[in-house]
Amino acid sequence: MTEETKTKGPASYFPSIEKKYGHPVTHWFDLLKTVSSKKHMEMVAWLKTEHGLGHGHANALVAYFLANAKNQ
């Protein structure tokens, strides 16, 4: 994989999130839709406490989710 094609930013965490937690990232985005009225760090905390995600993985999912929600 070259530097031009290498995934960067929050999406770079997606393969390890899917492997570690056994769900596609779309599963986590669907869950985040249910708490989309919360602030960024509240959503991160929710993923950590309710679903057992690590901080980095939860933060990456929320950052990507919120960035894409603004673009829709």
Protein backbone atom coordinates (compact mmCIF):
# COMPACT_ATOMS: atom_id res chain seq x y z
CA MET A 1 0.00 0.00 0.00
CA THR A 2 1.44 3.34 -1.01
CA GLU A 3 1.22 6.56 0.93
CA GLU A 4 -1.42 7.84 -1.49
CA THR A 5 -3.75 4.88 -0.91
CA LYS A 6 -3.16 4.36 2.79
CA THR A 7 -6.25 5.13 4.87
CA LYS A 8 -5.75 8.02 7.27
CA GLY A 9 -7.68 9.61 10.09
CA PRO A 10 -10.45 7.88 12.05
CA ALA A 11 -11.14 5.38 9.25
CA SER A 12 -7.68 3.90 9.76
CA TYR A 13 -9.03 2.34 12.98
CA PHE A 14 -11.94 0.56 11.26
CA PRO A 15 -10.23 -2.76 10.44
CA SER A 16 -9.03 -3.21 14.02
CA ILE A 17 -12.43 -2.17 15.43
CA GLU A 18 -14.20 -4.74 13.26
CA LYS A 19 -11.70 -7.45 14.20
CA LYS A 20 -11.70 -6.73 17.93
CA TYR A 21 -15.43 -6.23 18.50
CA GLY A 22 -16.82 -8.54 15.81
CA HIS A 23 -19.16 -6.04 14.17
CA PRO A 24 -18.86 -3.97 11.00
CA VAL A 25 -18.46 -0.25 11.57
CA THR A 26 -21.97 0.26 10.18
CA HIS A 27 -23.25 -1.49 13.31
CA TRP A 28 -21.58 1.14 15.48
CA PHE A 29 -22.83 3.99 13.27
CA ASP A 30 -26.39 2.65 13.59
CA LEU A 31 -25.98 2.65 17.37
CA LEU A 32 -24.56 6.18 17.33
CA LYS A 33 -27.65 7.37 15.45
CA THR A 34 -29.67 6.51 18.57
CA VAL A 35 -27.61 8.93 20.69
CA SER A 36 -26.85 11.54 18.06
CA SER A 37 -28.23 14.33 20.25
CA LYS A 38 -25.30 13.86 22.65
CA LYS A 39 -22.02 15.76 22.42
CA HIS A 40 -18.89 14.13 20.99
CA MET A 41 -17.34 13.07 24.31
CA GLU A 42 -20.70 11.95 25.68
CA MET A 43 -21.02 9.63 22.69
CA VAL A 44 -17.49 8.35 23.28
CA ALA A 45 -18.26 7.71 26.94
CA TRP A 46 -21.49 5.92 25.97
CA LEU A 47 -19.67 3.55 23.61
CA LYS A 48 -17.09 2.85 26.29
CA THR A 49 -19.48 2.21 29.16
CA GLU A 50 -22.42 0.60 27.35
CA HIS A 51 -20.53 -1.37 24.71
CA GLY A 52 -17.02 -1.88 26.11
CA LEU A 53 -15.07 -0.08 23.40
CA GLY A 54 -11.65 1.35 24.13
CA HIS A 55 -11.25 5.12 24.12
CA GLY A 56 -9.34 5.35 20.83
CA HIS A 57 -11.78 3.12 18.97
CA ALA A 58 -14.81 4.91 20.37
CA ASN A 59 -13.34 8.31 19.59
CA ALA A 60 -12.51 7.29 16.01
CA LEU A 61 -16.06 6.04 15.40
CA VAL A 62 -17.64 9.18 16.85
CA ALA A 63 -15.30 11.53 14.97
CA TYR A 64 -16.04 9.82 11.66
CA PHE A 65 -19.78 9.60 12.40
CA LEU A 66 -20.07 13.29 13.26
CA ALA A 67 -17.94 14.43 10.32
CA ASN A 68 -20.11 12.47 7.91
CA ALA A 69 -23.36 13.57 9.56
CA LYS A 70 -22.39 17.18 8.77
CA ASN A 71 -21.83 16.27 5.11
CA GLN A 72 -25.30 14.79 4.65
